[in-house]
Structure formats: C-alpha cells, structure tokens
C-alpha cells in the first residue's frame, strides 16, 4: 500500500497501529497521520529501538495492510 493510500485511510488504519504499538499515545498517531518516518521516530523514542528496526517495523506493518 503506498504512502498516499495510507494517509488517505489513516483513520481506519490508526486502530490497527494502536493495537500493534499500544505504548504510543493517541496524540502520536494523530500527528503521524500516515507519516511513516514520524511514526518510526516515535517507535525509536518509545521502545528504544535502533532506527533500522523502527523503520522495518513500520514497513512490516504497511505490508500487512495490502
């Protein structure tokens, strides 16, 4: 699923993202609004992951949406 589709359907996808990364707040998901780089940065910050792992987590999540 490409970035434009994710951004357009963010309200629907947001619930799935919250279920996957429950430690992130609603505010983070509201600000992210489909921005994968922002989301990866917040995952890094909250979970203490390396940048590569956070980005891979987001990519894997995006693949599950197809």
C-alpha atoms as a PDB file:
ATOM      1  CA  UNK A   1       0.000   0.000   0.000  1.00  0.00           C
ATOM      2  CA  UNK A   2       1.566   3.304  -0.961  1.00  0.00           C
ATOM      3  CA  UNK A   3       2.006   6.350   1.230  1.00  0.00           C
ATOM      4  CA  UNK A   4      -0.877   8.304  -0.340  1.00  0.00           C
ATOM      5  CA  UNK A   5      -3.328   5.473   0.303  1.00  0.00           C
ATOM      6  CA  UNK A   6      -2.117   5.087   3.890  1.00  0.00           C
ATOM      7  CA  UNK A   7      -2.505   8.809   4.517  1.00  0.00           C
ATOM      8  CA  UNK A   8      -5.976   8.798   2.984  1.00  0.00           C
ATOM      9  CA  UNK A   9      -7.159   5.848   5.067  1.00  0.00           C
ATOM     10  CA  UNK A  10      -5.271   6.791   8.208  1.00  0.00           C
ATOM     11  CA  UNK A  11      -8.385   6.999  10.387  1.00  0.00           C
ATOM     12  CA  UNK A  12      -9.217   3.379   9.592  1.00  0.00           C
ATOM     13  CA  UNK A  13      -5.630   2.152   9.825  1.00  0.00           C
ATOM     14  CA  UNK A  14      -4.940   4.040  13.052  1.00  0.00           C
ATOM     15  CA  UNK A  15      -6.786   1.445  15.156  1.00  0.00           C
ATOM     16  CA  UNK A  16      -4.597  -1.355  13.815  1.00  0.00           C
ATOM     17  CA  UNK A  17      -1.466   0.677  14.510  1.00  0.00           C
ATOM     18  CA  UNK A  18      -2.626   1.397  18.062  1.00  0.00           C
ATOM     19  CA  UNK A  19      -3.231  -2.310  18.640  1.00  0.00           C
ATOM     20  CA  UNK A  20       0.281  -3.123  17.404  1.00  0.00           C
ATOM     21  CA  UNK A  21       2.113  -0.369  19.282  1.00  0.00           C
ATOM     22  CA  UNK A  22      -0.072   0.192  22.336  1.00  0.00           C
ATOM     23  CA  UNK A  23       2.564   2.189  24.203  1.00  0.00           C
ATOM     24  CA  UNK A  24       2.206   5.084  21.765  1.00  0.00           C
ATOM     25  CA  UNK A  25      -0.437   7.671  22.607  1.00  0.00           C
ATOM     26  CA  UNK A  26      -3.399   8.783  20.522  1.00  0.00           C
ATOM     27  CA  UNK A  27      -1.616  12.102  20.033  1.00  0.00           C
ATOM     28  CA  UNK A  28       1.326  10.371  18.349  1.00  0.00           C
ATOM     29  CA  UNK A  29      -0.998   8.622  15.910  1.00  0.00           C
ATOM     30  CA  UNK A  30      -2.955  11.813  15.279  1.00  0.00           C
ATOM     31  CA  UNK A  31       0.212  13.738  14.449  1.00  0.00           C
ATOM     32  CA  UNK A  32       1.668  10.849  12.418  1.00  0.00           C
ATOM     33  CA  UNK A  33      -1.373  10.785  10.122  1.00  0.00           C
ATOM     34  CA  UNK A  34       0.299   8.163   7.925  1.00  0.00           C
ATOM     35  CA  UNK A  35       3.814   9.662   8.015  1.00  0.00           C
ATOM     36  CA  UNK A  36       5.996   6.556   8.286  1.00  0.00           C
ATOM     37  CA  UNK A  37       9.186   8.464   9.146  1.00  0.00           C
ATOM     38  CA  UNK A  38       7.499  10.269  12.026  1.00  0.00           C
ATOM     39  CA  UNK A  39       5.997   7.013  13.271  1.00  0.00           C
ATOM     40  CA  UNK A  40       9.360   5.227  13.071  1.00  0.00           C
ATOM     41  CA  UNK A  41      10.955   8.061  15.039  1.00  0.00           C
ATOM     42  CA  UNK A  42       8.343   7.754  17.762  1.00  0.00           C
ATOM     43  CA  UNK A  43       8.833   3.973  17.888  1.00  0.00           C
ATOM     44  CA  UNK A  44      12.573   4.558  18.293  1.00  0.00           C
ATOM     45  CA  UNK A  45      11.944   7.019  21.082  1.00  0.00           C
ATOM     46  CA  UNK A  46       9.347   4.955  22.976  1.00  0.00           C
ATOM     47  CA  UNK A  47      10.770   1.459  22.577  1.00  0.00           C
ATOM     48  CA  UNK A  48      14.469   2.329  22.427  1.00  0.00           C
ATOM     49  CA  UNK A  49      14.931   0.605  19.075  1.00  0.00           C
ATOM     50  CA  UNK A  50      17.635   1.365  16.539  1.00  0.00           C
ATOM     51  CA  UNK A  51      16.443   3.426  13.554  1.00  0.00           C
ATOM     52  CA  UNK A  52      16.682   0.417  11.225  1.00  0.00           C
ATOM     53  CA  UNK A  53      14.464  -1.726  13.452  1.00  0.00           C
ATOM     54  CA  UNK A  54      11.862   1.004  13.854  1.00  0.00           C
ATOM     55  CA  UNK A  55      11.724   1.561  10.090  1.00  0.00           C
ATOM     56  CA  UNK A  56      11.452  -2.195   9.478  1.00  0.00           C
ATOM     57  CA  UNK A  57       8.578  -2.428  11.974  1.00  0.00           C
ATOM     58  CA  UNK A  58       6.722   0.298  10.072  1.00  0.00           C
ATOM     59  CA  UNK A  59       7.444  -1.341   6.691  1.00  0.00           C
ATOM     60  CA  UNK A  60       6.212  -4.696   8.014  1.00  0.00           C
ATOM     61  CA  UNK A  61       3.057  -3.026   9.312  1.00  0.00           C
ATOM     62  CA  UNK A  62       2.498  -1.408   5.908  1.00  0.00           C
ATOM     63  CA  UNK A  63       2.859  -4.815   4.210  1.00  0.00           C
ATOM     64  CA  UNK A  64       0.100  -6.242   6.412  1.00  0.00           C
ATOM     65  CA  UNK A  65      -2.263  -3.568   5.060  1.00  0.00           C
ATOM     66  CA  UNK A  66      -2.088  -4.753   1.440  1.00  0.00           C
END
